[in-house]
Amino acid sequence: MTLSGQQINLRALEPEDLEFLYQIENNESFWEVSHTQTPFSKYVLKQYLENAHLDIYESKQLRLLIEEKSTKKQLGMIDLFDFNPQHKRAGVGILIHPDFQKNGFASEALSLLISYSFSHLQLNQLFANITLDNDKSLALFKKQNFVKIGIKKDWILSEGKFKDEVLFQLIKE
């Protein structure tokens, strides 16, 4: 199975993921990377979950839950966004809950998503946007052979200061 690794599975969101999604989406420390500015209500997130079944070709995005294989514990989420089937590309975003970081989960999740994107979705490339101060994410994407192709100066306003954002690409071999 393409979305199953040694330690984790990537799976579609389920109604029982509502509480985890609520905690993640309303954690202000994640808002910078998710470009969120306001909290989400459980009602709005419940509606999102009800529509999560939409095909990536309809919604132009795919959010998968990262769960530990043995315990089924929710660890984080990985997304494809700005999906463009015409040009065969999509953006990648990943978030691992801080309690589960530094266990190799992000690396395995990203590797599985890359494989799925290139084999099942027939994409030619993936891209990621990462602030220059996000050392963990920079290292993660470099480890998976993403190449830095540029820096967007003063791209993200965070806590009253502008940050540069690095653009990474991974082109199918």
C-alpha atoms as a PDB file:
ATOM      1  CA  MET A   1       0.000   0.000   0.000  1.00  0.00           C
ATOM      2  CA  THR A   2       1.462   3.345  -1.096  1.00  0.00           C
ATOM      3  CA  LEU A   3       0.326   5.301   1.952  1.00  0.00           C
ATOM      4  CA  SER A   4       1.636   2.855   4.528  1.00  0.00           C
ATOM      5  CA  GLY A   5       5.182   2.942   5.865  1.00  0.00           C
ATOM      6  CA  GLN A   6       7.157   1.231   8.607  1.00  0.00           C
ATOM      7  CA  GLN A   7       5.985   3.470  11.475  1.00  0.00           C
ATOM      8  CA  ILE A   8       3.042   5.379  10.035  1.00  0.00           C
ATOM      9  CA  ASN A   9       0.018   5.358   7.776  1.00  0.00           C
ATOM     10  CA  LEU A  10      -1.328   8.285   5.806  1.00  0.00           C
ATOM     11  CA  ARG A  11      -5.099   8.139   5.685  1.00  0.00           C
ATOM     12  CA  ALA A  12      -8.150  10.184   4.790  1.00  0.00           C
ATOM     13  CA  LEU A  13      -9.694  12.298   7.509  1.00  0.00           C
ATOM     14  CA  GLU A  14     -12.558  10.724   9.445  1.00  0.00           C
ATOM     15  CA  PRO A  15     -15.335  12.315  11.546  1.00  0.00           C
ATOM     16  CA  GLU A  16     -13.581  11.112  14.709  1.00  0.00           C
ATOM     17  CA  ASP A  17     -10.581  13.319  13.797  1.00  0.00           C
ATOM     18  CA  LEU A  18     -12.626  16.442  14.614  1.00  0.00           C
ATOM     19  CA  GLU A  19     -11.096  17.033  18.061  1.00  0.00           C
ATOM     20  CA  PHE A  20      -7.512  16.577  16.788  1.00  0.00           C
ATOM     21  CA  LEU A  21      -8.192  18.872  13.826  1.00  0.00           C
ATOM     22  CA  TYR A  22      -9.738  21.449  16.172  1.00  0.00           C
ATOM     23  CA  GLN A  23      -6.655  21.395  18.425  1.00  0.00           C
ATOM     24  CA  ILE A  24      -4.229  21.730  15.501  1.00  0.00           C
ATOM     25  CA  GLU A  25      -6.127  24.411  13.577  1.00  0.00           C
ATOM     26  CA  ASN A  26      -6.634  26.531  16.700  1.00  0.00           C
ATOM     27  CA  ASN A  27      -3.070  26.291  17.991  1.00  0.00           C
ATOM     28  CA  GLU A  28      -1.752  29.798  17.360  1.00  0.00           C
ATOM     29  CA  SER A  29       1.845  28.579  17.229  1.00  0.00           C
ATOM     30  CA  PHE A  30       0.989  26.840  13.910  1.00  0.00           C
ATOM     31  CA  TRP A  31      -0.799  29.801  12.336  1.00  0.00           C
ATOM     32  CA  GLU A  32       2.303  31.244  10.703  1.00  0.00           C
ATOM     33  CA  VAL A  33       2.938  28.116   8.639  1.00  0.00           C
ATOM     34  CA  SER A  34      -0.740  27.569   7.816  1.00  0.00           C
ATOM     35  CA  HIS A  35      -1.381  31.240   6.987  1.00  0.00           C
ATOM     36  CA  THR A  36      -4.274  31.257   9.450  1.00  0.00           C
ATOM     37  CA  GLN A  37      -5.344  34.446  11.183  1.00  0.00           C
ATOM     38  CA  THR A  38      -8.501  33.460  13.049  1.00  0.00           C
ATOM     39  CA  PRO A  39      -9.651  30.403  14.989  1.00  0.00           C
ATOM     40  CA  PHE A  40     -11.943  27.761  13.490  1.00  0.00           C
ATOM     41  CA  SER A  41     -15.160  26.659  15.132  1.00  0.00           C
ATOM     42  CA  LYS A  42     -15.948  22.979  15.551  1.00  0.00           C
ATOM     43  CA  TYR A  43     -18.984  23.584  13.346  1.00  0.00           C
ATOM     44  CA  VAL A  44     -16.816  24.837  10.447  1.00  0.00           C
ATOM     45  CA  LEU A  45     -14.324  21.984  10.894  1.00  0.00           C
ATOM     46  CA  LYS A  46     -17.179  19.459  10.993  1.00  0.00           C
ATOM     47  CA  GLN A  47     -18.406  20.830   7.663  1.00  0.00           C
ATOM     48  CA  TYR A  48     -14.856  20.579   6.310  1.00  0.00           C
ATOM     49  CA  LEU A  49     -14.689  16.928   7.376  1.00  0.00           C
ATOM     50  CA  GLU A  50     -18.041  16.263   5.718  1.00  0.00           C
ATOM     51  CA  ASN A  51     -16.584  17.544   2.439  1.00  0.00           C
ATOM     52  CA  ALA A  52     -13.148  15.954   2.842  1.00  0.00           C
ATOM     53  CA  HIS A  53     -14.293  13.131   0.552  1.00  0.00           C
ATOM     54  CA  LEU A  54     -14.140  15.452  -2.472  1.00  0.00           C
ATOM     55  CA  ASP A  55     -11.703  14.278  -5.097  1.00  0.00           C
ATOM     56  CA  ILE A  56      -8.385  16.145  -5.339  1.00  0.00           C
ATOM     57  CA  TYR A  57      -9.339  17.064  -8.910  1.00  0.00           C
ATOM     58  CA  GLU A  58     -12.432  18.869  -7.586  1.00  0.00           C
ATOM     59  CA  SER A  59     -11.044  20.498  -4.447  1.00  0.00           C
ATOM     60  CA  LYS A  60      -7.462  21.049  -5.712  1.00  0.00           C
ATOM     61  CA  GLN A  61      -6.172  19.892  -2.333  1.00  0.00           C
ATOM     62  CA  LEU A  62      -5.708  16.736  -0.292  1.00  0.00           C
ATOM     63  CA  ARG A  63      -5.237  16.539   3.460  1.00  0.00           C
ATOM     64  CA  LEU A  64      -4.117  13.249   4.960  1.00  0.00           C
ATOM     65  CA  LEU A  65      -3.841  12.369   8.616  1.00  0.00           C
ATOM     66  CA  ILE A  66      -0.522  10.949   9.783  1.00  0.00           C
ATOM     67  CA  GLU A  67      -1.154   8.171  12.278  1.00  0.00           C
ATOM     68  CA  GLU A  68       1.178   5.831  14.098  1.00  0.00           C
ATOM     69  CA  LYS A  69       0.740   2.375  12.642  1.00  0.00           C
ATOM     70  CA  SER A  70       0.793   0.353  15.853  1.00  0.00           C
ATOM     71  CA  THR A  71      -1.308   2.609  18.094  1.00  0.00           C
ATOM     72  CA  LYS A  72      -3.435   4.503  15.511  1.00  0.00           C
ATOM     73  CA  LYS A  73      -2.408   7.684  17.406  1.00  0.00           C
ATOM     74  CA  GLN A  74      -2.943  10.911  15.451  1.00  0.00           C
ATOM     75  CA  LEU A  75       0.502  12.470  14.926  1.00  0.00           C
ATOM     76  CA  GLY A  76      -0.092  15.251  12.438  1.00  0.00           C
ATOM     77  CA  MET A  77      -1.234  16.060   8.925  1.00  0.00           C
ATOM     78  CA  ILE A  78       0.297  16.332   5.484  1.00  0.00           C
ATOM     79  CA  ASP A  79      -1.283  18.298   2.658  1.00  0.00           C
ATOM     80  CA  LEU A  80      -1.155  18.697  -1.055  1.00  0.00           C
ATOM     81  CA  PHE A  81      -2.414  22.167  -1.998  1.00  0.00           C
ATOM     82  CA  ASP A  82      -2.564  24.311  -5.135  1.00  0.00           C
ATOM     83  CA  PHE A  83      -2.950  21.039  -7.043  1.00  0.00           C
ATOM     84  CA  ASN A  84      -2.646  21.798 -10.739  1.00  0.00           C
ATOM     85  CA  PRO A  85      -3.348  18.757 -12.938  1.00  0.00           C
ATOM     86  CA  GLN A  86      -2.675  20.700 -16.147  1.00  0.00           C
ATOM     87  CA  HIS A  87       0.899  21.467 -15.142  1.00  0.00           C
ATOM     88  CA  LYS A  88       1.239  18.321 -12.986  1.00  0.00           C
ATOM     89  CA  ARG A  89       2.342  20.022  -9.762  1.00  0.00           C
ATOM     90  CA  ALA A  90       1.245  20.610  -6.191  1.00  0.00           C
ATOM     91  CA  GLY A  91       2.473  22.263  -3.033  1.00  0.00           C
ATOM     92  CA  VAL A  92       3.289  20.253   0.086  1.00  0.00           C
ATOM     93  CA  GLY A  93       2.702  21.187   3.704  1.00  0.00           C
ATOM     94  CA  ILE A  94       3.332  19.054   6.759  1.00  0.00           C
ATOM     95  CA  LEU A  95       2.729  19.428  10.457  1.00  0.00           C
ATOM     96  CA  ILE A  96       3.676  17.009  13.215  1.00  0.00           C
ATOM     97  CA  HIS A  97       2.296  17.724  16.673  1.00  0.00           C
ATOM     98  CA  PRO A  98       5.213  18.889  18.901  1.00  0.00           C
ATOM     99  CA  ASP A  99       4.722  15.891  21.232  1.00  0.00           C
ATOM    100  CA  PHE A 100       5.680  13.540  18.378  1.00  0.00           C
ATOM    101  CA  GLN A 101       8.498  15.406  16.645  1.00  0.00           C
ATOM    102  CA  LYS A 102      12.035  14.003  16.308  1.00  0.00           C
ATOM    103  CA  ASN A 103      10.819  10.431  15.767  1.00  0.00           C
ATOM    104  CA  GLY A 104      11.200  10.276  11.970  1.00  0.00           C
ATOM    105  CA  PHE A 105       7.445  10.559  11.389  1.00  0.00           C
ATOM    106  CA  ALA A 106       7.693  13.680   9.192  1.00  0.00           C
ATOM    107  CA  SER A 107      10.409  12.184   7.023  1.00  0.00           C
ATOM    108  CA  GLU A 108       8.465   8.967   6.498  1.00  0.00           C
ATOM    109  CA  ALA A 109       5.211  10.852   5.816  1.00  0.00           C
ATOM    110  CA  LEU A 110       6.890  13.109   3.262  1.00  0.00           C
ATOM    111  CA  SER A 111       8.544  10.151   1.562  1.00  0.00           C
ATOM    112  CA  LEU A 112       5.190   8.342   1.285  1.00  0.00           C
ATOM    113  CA  LEU A 113       3.474  11.456  -0.070  1.00  0.00           C
ATOM    114  CA  ILE A 114       6.198  11.985  -2.668  1.00  0.00           C
ATOM    115  CA  SER A 115       5.830   8.404  -3.867  1.00  0.00           C
ATOM    116  CA  TYR A 116       2.030   8.690  -3.981  1.00  0.00           C
ATOM    117  CA  SER A 117       2.173  12.029  -5.824  1.00  0.00           C
ATOM    118  CA  PHE A 118       4.536  10.821  -8.521  1.00  0.00           C
ATOM    119  CA  SER A 119       3.079   7.340  -9.002  1.00  0.00           C
ATOM    120  CA  HIS A 120      -0.691   7.670  -8.424  1.00  0.00           C
ATOM    121  CA  LEU A 121      -1.317  11.313  -9.254  1.00  0.00           C
ATOM    122  CA  GLN A 122       1.285  11.348 -12.049  1.00  0.00           C
ATOM    123  CA  LEU A 123       2.686  14.680 -10.879  1.00  0.00           C
ATOM    124  CA  ASN A 124       5.903  16.004 -12.353  1.00  0.00           C
ATOM    125  CA  GLN A 125       6.855  18.190  -9.411  1.00  0.00           C
ATOM    126  CA  LEU A 126       6.147  19.183  -5.849  1.00  0.00           C
ATOM    127  CA  PHE A 127       6.999  22.465  -4.187  1.00  0.00           C
ATOM    128  CA  ALA A 128       7.239  23.760  -0.637  1.00  0.00           C
ATOM    129  CA  ASN A 129       7.416  27.235   0.883  1.00  0.00           C
ATOM    130  CA  ILE A 130       9.385  27.404   4.146  1.00  0.00           C
ATOM    131  CA  THR A 131      10.427  30.414   6.210  1.00  0.00           C
ATOM    132  CA  LEU A 132      14.168  30.820   6.458  1.00  0.00           C
ATOM    133  CA  ASP A 133      14.081  30.413  10.252  1.00  0.00           C
ATOM    134  CA  ASN A 134      12.260  27.038  10.181  1.00  0.00           C
ATOM    135  CA  ASP A 135      15.363  24.852  10.497  1.00  0.00           C
ATOM    136  CA  LYS A 136      13.458  21.596  11.061  1.00  0.00           C
ATOM    137  CA  SER A 137      11.412  21.951   7.881  1.00  0.00           C
ATOM    138  CA  LEU A 138      14.378  23.135   5.834  1.00  0.00           C
ATOM    139  CA  ALA A 139      16.334  20.038   6.894  1.00  0.00           C
ATOM    140  CA  LEU A 140      13.350  17.739   6.269  1.00  0.00           C
ATOM    141  CA  PHE A 141      12.782  18.890   2.694  1.00  0.00           C
ATOM    142  CA  LYS A 142      16.508  18.916   1.873  1.00  0.00           C
ATOM    143  CA  LYS A 143      16.739  15.334   3.185  1.00  0.00           C
ATOM    144  CA  GLN A 144      14.010  14.358   0.708  1.00  0.00           C
ATOM    145  CA  ASN A 145      16.013  15.935  -2.151  1.00  0.00           C
ATOM    146  CA  PHE A 146      13.954  19.085  -2.576  1.00  0.00           C
ATOM    147  CA  VAL A 147      16.117  21.791  -4.148  1.00  0.00           C
ATOM    148  CA  LYS A 148      16.133  25.412  -3.037  1.00  0.00           C
ATOM    149  CA  ILE A 149      15.291  27.471  -6.103  1.00  0.00           C
ATOM    150  CA  GLY A 150      14.846  30.899  -4.621  1.00  0.00           C
ATOM    151  CA  ILE A 151      14.101  33.156  -1.695  1.00  0.00           C
ATOM    152  CA  LYS A 152      11.051  35.384  -1.485  1.00  0.00           C
ATOM    153  CA  LYS A 153      12.207  38.446   0.474  1.00  0.00           C
ATOM    154  CA  ASP A 154      10.020  39.854   3.269  1.00  0.00           C
ATOM    155  CA  TRP A 155       7.285  37.377   2.274  1.00  0.00           C
ATOM    156  CA  ILE A 156       5.697  36.497   5.624  1.00  0.00           C
ATOM    157  CA  LEU A 157       4.667  39.045   8.243  1.00  0.00           C
ATOM    158  CA  SER A 158       4.943  37.440  11.656  1.00  0.00           C
ATOM    159  CA  GLU A 159       4.663  39.248  14.970  1.00  0.00           C
ATOM    160  CA  GLY A 160       5.310  42.599  13.316  1.00  0.00           C
ATOM    161  CA  LYS A 161       8.448  41.493  11.432  1.00  0.00           C
ATOM    162  CA  PHE A 162       8.895  40.281   7.885  1.00  0.00           C
ATOM    163  CA  LYS A 163      10.509  36.925   7.189  1.00  0.00           C
ATOM    164  CA  ASP A 164      12.059  35.540   4.045  1.00  0.00           C
ATOM    165  CA  GLU A 165      10.545  32.381   2.597  1.00  0.00           C
ATOM    166  CA  VAL A 166      12.497  29.717   0.709  1.00  0.00           C
ATOM    167  CA  LEU A 167      10.912  28.055  -2.318  1.00  0.00           C
ATOM    168  CA  PHE A 168      11.827  24.402  -2.779  1.00  0.00           C
ATOM    169  CA  GLN A 169      11.049  22.095  -5.714  1.00  0.00           C
ATOM    170  CA  LEU A 170      11.288  18.380  -6.247  1.00  0.00           C
ATOM    171  CA  ILE A 171      11.063  17.402  -9.898  1.00  0.00           C
ATOM    172  CA  LYS A 172      10.329  13.791 -10.777  1.00  0.00           C
ATOM    173  CA  GLU A 173      13.371  11.962 -12.065  1.00  0.00           C
END
